[in-house]
């Protein structure tokens, strides 16, 4: 089978929200050549209660994943192990009981295969022929209530508010958060997608975007744009126009 080589570009943009805390989002968007493969490494880290966990993940998570000896033969098992070991290290050395972070990572291999993993409510979508396909699952407390309760925790919801694990965390999976670690997990869901001729773009973003835009609205917002950097800015501009108050971080990958 002849390979069709397509140009791949990426862009990213971040804005601090109007909440009562400093910016807690971090991004990785870079290219790297490893073992003869061309990799696109993209990630959204959305911290909470502290920037320390998200900042640590930005600096270390991809190196941990790619150093796993079986990454090329068993990528799902390698990524799960890397996530677990990184979370253990965070709890032991970085932050203790203070703060945590959600994560969505995407590894594009030779422009042909996409490996996506997520913990929490940052999200990745794939755009094909103008249609949005959600790749990741949002780890919302109500969706994982049974798992939380099986670990001895509980899910509560105050009037006018979103559900929380143990009344504290608005997601059921996260790195860090030692005080809740018996009741939540940092185990990722992992998905592998083929990049075909109909694939137009990939969008990764923190929940500051998804709170105010549907997957299809995001795909439609950047349809026809060929500049990935402008596309990422356009998405955040639209989210702000819809009154998103949270930190927003966004990466767009465009295939020619």
Protein backbone atom coordinates (compact mmCIF):
# COMPACT_ATOMS: atom_id res chain seq x y z
CA UNK A 1 0.00 0.00 0.00
CA UNK A 2 1.39 3.39 -0.96
CA UNK A 3 1.48 5.92 1.84
CA UNK A 4 -0.06 9.31 1.24
CA UNK A 5 2.16 11.85 2.94
CA UNK A 6 0.16 14.81 4.19
CA UNK A 7 1.39 18.03 5.68
CA UNK A 8 0.56 18.28 9.38
CA UNK A 9 0.60 21.57 11.26
CA UNK A 10 -0.44 22.49 14.77
CA UNK A 11 -1.27 25.62 16.70
CA UNK A 12 -2.33 26.41 20.25
CA UNK A 13 -3.76 29.19 22.34
CA UNK A 14 -4.51 29.75 26.05
CA UNK A 15 -6.39 32.39 27.99
CA UNK A 16 -6.71 32.89 31.73
CA UNK A 17 -10.27 32.73 32.99
CA UNK A 18 -12.21 35.07 35.22
CA UNK A 19 -12.20 32.77 38.24
CA UNK A 20 -10.58 33.52 41.58
CA UNK A 21 -7.28 31.76 40.86
CA UNK A 22 -4.20 32.19 38.65
CA UNK A 23 -3.91 30.40 35.31
CA UNK A 24 -3.74 26.62 35.90
CA UNK A 25 -3.70 25.26 32.32
CA UNK A 26 -0.56 24.01 30.58
CA UNK A 27 0.03 22.74 27.04
CA UNK A 28 2.48 20.59 25.10
CA UNK A 29 2.43 20.90 21.30
CA UNK A 30 5.65 19.78 19.66
CA UNK A 31 7.21 17.40 17.14
CA UNK A 32 9.84 14.81 17.94
CA UNK A 33 11.66 12.07 16.03
CA UNK A 34 11.93 8.86 18.04
CA UNK A 35 13.19 5.46 16.82
CA UNK A 36 12.83 6.54 13.22
CA UNK A 37 9.23 7.71 13.67
CA UNK A 38 7.96 11.25 13.36
CA UNK A 39 5.78 12.03 16.37
CA UNK A 40 3.41 14.86 17.06
CA UNK A 41 3.05 15.25 20.84
CA UNK A 42 0.01 17.19 22.00
CA UNK A 43 -1.42 17.53 25.50
CA UNK A 44 -3.77 19.62 27.63
CA UNK A 45 -3.12 19.78 31.39
CA UNK A 46 -5.90 21.45 33.38
CA UNK A 47 -4.82 21.96 36.98
CA UNK A 48 -7.02 22.58 39.99
CA UNK A 49 -6.29 23.90 43.49
CA UNK A 50 -2.64 24.30 42.47
CA UNK A 51 -0.55 24.70 39.31
CA UNK A 52 2.14 22.33 40.55
CA UNK A 53 0.69 19.06 39.26
CA UNK A 54 -0.14 20.37 35.77
CA UNK A 55 3.28 21.98 35.51
CA UNK A 56 5.00 18.74 36.52
CA UNK A 57 3.00 16.74 34.00
CA UNK A 58 3.88 19.18 31.23
CA UNK A 59 7.57 18.63 31.90
CA UNK A 60 7.58 14.87 32.47
CA UNK A 61 4.64 12.85 31.16
CA UNK A 62 5.64 12.38 27.51
CA UNK A 63 9.22 11.48 28.45
CA UNK A 64 7.83 8.85 30.81
CA UNK A 65 5.52 7.43 28.12
CA UNK A 66 8.18 7.27 25.42
CA UNK A 67 10.74 5.71 27.76
CA UNK A 68 8.50 2.67 28.30
CA UNK A 69 10.28 -0.22 26.52
CA UNK A 70 7.05 -1.65 25.09
CA UNK A 71 5.57 1.61 23.82
CA UNK A 72 5.94 0.58 20.16
CA UNK A 73 4.59 -2.95 20.63
CA UNK A 74 1.94 -2.40 23.33
CA UNK A 75 1.19 1.34 23.47
CA UNK A 76 -1.96 1.06 25.58
CA UNK A 77 -0.26 -0.94 28.33
CA UNK A 78 2.79 1.34 28.19
CA UNK A 79 0.71 4.50 28.53
CA UNK A 80 -1.33 3.10 31.42
CA UNK A 81 1.89 2.18 33.23
CA UNK A 82 3.41 5.59 32.56
CA UNK A 83 0.30 7.36 33.86
CA UNK A 84 0.24 5.22 37.02
CA UNK A 85 3.94 5.66 37.75
CA UNK A 86 3.75 9.41 37.13
CA UNK A 87 0.80 9.74 39.49
CA UNK A 88 2.67 7.77 42.17
CA UNK A 89 5.66 10.08 41.75
CA UNK A 90 3.47 13.18 41.99
CA UNK A 91 1.91 11.96 45.23
CA UNK A 92 5.29 11.02 46.66
CA UNK A 93 7.47 13.95 45.59
CA UNK A 94 5.54 16.84 44.11
CA UNK A 95 2.43 18.01 45.81
CA UNK A 96 1.26 15.72 48.58
CA UNK A 97 -2.34 16.48 49.38
CA UNK A 98 -2.49 19.79 47.52
CA UNK A 99 -3.94 20.04 44.04
CA UNK A 100 -4.37 17.88 40.98
CA UNK A 101 -4.81 17.98 37.23
CA UNK A 102 -6.78 16.47 34.40
CA UNK A 103 -4.93 15.37 31.27
CA UNK A 104 -5.58 14.64 27.62
CA UNK A 105 -2.58 13.44 25.62
CA UNK A 106 -2.39 12.66 21.91
CA UNK A 107 0.52 11.06 20.07
CA UNK A 108 0.41 11.26 16.28
CA UNK A 109 2.67 8.59 14.75
CA UNK A 110 3.99 9.32 11.25
CA UNK A 111 0.86 11.29 10.47
CA UNK A 112 -1.05 8.01 10.20
CA UNK A 113 -2.04 6.78 13.66
CA UNK A 114 -3.35 8.73 16.63
CA UNK A 115 -3.04 7.41 20.19
CA UNK A 116 -5.13 9.39 22.68
CA UNK A 117 -5.34 8.99 26.45
CA UNK A 118 -7.31 11.02 28.96
CA UNK A 119 -7.94 11.41 32.67
CA UNK A 120 -10.69 13.85 33.66
CA UNK A 121 -12.70 16.24 31.52
CA UNK A 122 -10.26 17.68 29.00
CA UNK A 123 -11.40 16.35 25.63
CA UNK A 124 -10.14 15.36 22.19
CA UNK A 125 -12.24 15.28 19.04
CA UNK A 126 -11.49 14.26 15.47
CA UNK A 127 -13.00 16.14 12.51
CA UNK A 128 -13.74 14.17 9.33
CA UNK A 129 -15.63 15.69 6.39
CA UNK A 130 -16.87 18.42 8.69
CA UNK A 131 -18.29 15.97 11.23
CA UNK A 132 -17.02 15.81 14.82
CA UNK A 133 -16.16 12.52 16.50
CA UNK A 134 -15.45 12.60 20.23
CA UNK A 135 -12.45 10.39 20.93
CA UNK A 136 -12.27 10.65 24.72
CA UNK A 137 -14.78 10.15 27.53
CA UNK A 138 -15.38 12.88 30.13
CA UNK A 139 -14.88 11.31 33.55
CA UNK A 140 -17.81 12.97 35.29
CA UNK A 141 -18.73 11.84 38.82
CA UNK A 142 -22.26 10.71 37.96
CA UNK A 143 -20.97 8.58 35.07
CA UNK A 144 -18.51 6.85 37.41
CA UNK A 145 -20.63 6.88 40.57
CA UNK A 146 -20.56 3.10 40.90
CA UNK A 147 -16.76 2.99 40.71
CA UNK A 148 -16.40 5.84 43.23
CA UNK A 149 -18.77 4.17 45.68
CA UNK A 150 -17.03 0.80 45.24
CA UNK A 151 -13.86 2.48 46.54
CA UNK A 152 -15.64 3.89 49.59
CA UNK A 153 -16.38 7.38 48.27
CA UNK A 154 -19.62 9.16 47.42
CA UNK A 155 -20.97 11.50 44.78
CA UNK A 156 -23.00 14.51 45.92
CA UNK A 157 -24.70 17.38 44.15
CA UNK A 158 -25.76 20.64 45.73
CA UNK A 159 -28.63 22.59 44.15
CA UNK A 160 -27.35 24.69 41.27
CA UNK A 161 -23.97 22.97 41.22
CA UNK A 162 -22.37 20.07 39.34
CA UNK A 163 -21.82 16.66 41.00
CA UNK A 164 -18.65 16.26 43.08
CA UNK A 165 -16.71 13.28 44.44
CA UNK A 166 -16.82 13.43 48.25
CA UNK A 167 -18.27 16.93 47.87
CA UNK A 168 -14.87 18.20 46.70
CA UNK A 169 -13.88 17.29 43.12
CA UNK A 170 -16.01 17.77 40.00
CA UNK A 171 -14.45 14.79 38.19
CA UNK A 172 -13.89 11.13 38.96
CA UNK A 173 -10.33 10.80 37.63
CA UNK A 174 -7.32 13.07 38.09
CA UNK A 175 -3.61 13.12 38.78
CA UNK A 176 -2.68 14.14 42.32
CA UNK A 177 -5.50 14.95 44.76
CA UNK A 178 -4.02 12.75 47.47
CA UNK A 179 -6.87 13.42 49.90
CA UNK A 180 -9.27 11.74 47.45
CA UNK A 181 -6.95 9.15 45.93
CA UNK A 182 -8.66 6.18 47.58
CA UNK A 183 -11.87 7.16 45.79
CA UNK A 184 -10.61 8.39 42.39
CA UNK A 185 -8.02 7.12 39.93
CA UNK A 186 -5.49 8.37 37.39
CA UNK A 187 -6.03 5.37 35.08
CA UNK A 188 -6.59 6.67 31.55
CA UNK A 189 -8.99 5.60 28.86
CA UNK A 190 -6.92 5.03 25.71
CA UNK A 191 -8.06 5.12 22.11
CA UNK A 192 -6.30 4.47 18.80
CA UNK A 193 -7.58 6.13 15.63
CA UNK A 194 -6.38 5.83 12.02
CA UNK A 195 -5.78 9.11 10.21
CA UNK A 196 -7.32 8.70 6.78
CA UNK A 197 -7.69 10.95 3.74
CA UNK A 198 -10.96 12.36 5.12
CA UNK A 199 -9.42 13.49 8.43
CA UNK A 200 -9.29 17.27 8.50
CA UNK A 201 -8.25 18.16 12.03
CA UNK A 202 -7.89 17.22 15.68
CA UNK A 203 -9.02 19.47 18.53
CA UNK A 204 -7.83 19.08 22.12
CA UNK A 205 -9.17 21.50 24.71
CA UNK A 206 -9.80 21.94 28.40
CA UNK A 207 -13.33 22.02 29.79
CA UNK A 208 -13.36 25.81 29.64
CA UNK A 209 -14.14 25.34 25.95
CA UNK A 210 -16.44 22.33 26.19
CA UNK A 211 -18.65 23.90 28.87
CA UNK A 212 -19.95 26.34 26.25
CA UNK A 213 -19.46 24.54 22.90
CA UNK A 214 -20.56 21.16 21.59
CA UNK A 215 -18.19 18.94 19.65
CA UNK A 216 -19.91 19.75 16.38
CA UNK A 217 -19.94 23.50 17.09
CA UNK A 218 -16.17 23.35 17.61
CA UNK A 219 -15.65 21.42 14.37
CA UNK A 220 -17.86 23.82 12.44
CA UNK A 221 -16.10 26.83 13.96
CA UNK A 222 -12.77 25.92 12.31
CA UNK A 223 -14.03 24.19 9.18
CA UNK A 224 -12.21 25.54 6.14
CA UNK A 225 -9.39 27.15 8.14
CA UNK A 226 -5.93 26.07 7.01
CA UNK A 227 -3.87 27.90 9.67
CA UNK A 228 -3.84 25.84 12.87
CA UNK A 229 -2.75 28.75 15.05
CA UNK A 230 -5.59 30.92 13.80
CA UNK A 231 -8.00 28.02 14.27
CA UNK A 232 -7.02 27.63 17.94
CA UNK A 233 -7.50 31.36 18.50
CA UNK A 234 -10.86 31.29 16.73
CA UNK A 235 -12.12 28.52 19.00
CA UNK A 236 -11.18 30.40 22.15
CA UNK A 237 -12.61 33.64 20.76
CA UNK A 238 -15.91 31.84 20.22
CA UNK A 239 -15.84 30.31 23.71
CA UNK A 240 -15.26 33.74 25.25
CA UNK A 241 -18.14 35.19 23.25
CA UNK A 242 -20.29 32.49 24.87
CA UNK A 243 -19.25 33.75 28.33
CA UNK A 244 -16.87 30.97 29.36
CA UNK A 245 -15.26 32.11 32.61
CA UNK A 246 -12.83 29.23 33.14
CA UNK A 247 -9.23 28.96 31.95
CA UNK A 248 -9.27 27.80 28.33
CA UNK A 249 -6.48 25.96 26.54
CA UNK A 250 -6.78 24.59 23.04
CA UNK A 251 -4.63 22.77 20.48
CA UNK A 252 -5.61 22.32 16.84
CA UNK A 253 -3.84 19.92 14.48
CA UNK A 254 -4.66 20.38 10.77
CA UNK A 255 -4.01 17.94 7.94
CA UNK A 256 -3.63 19.47 4.48
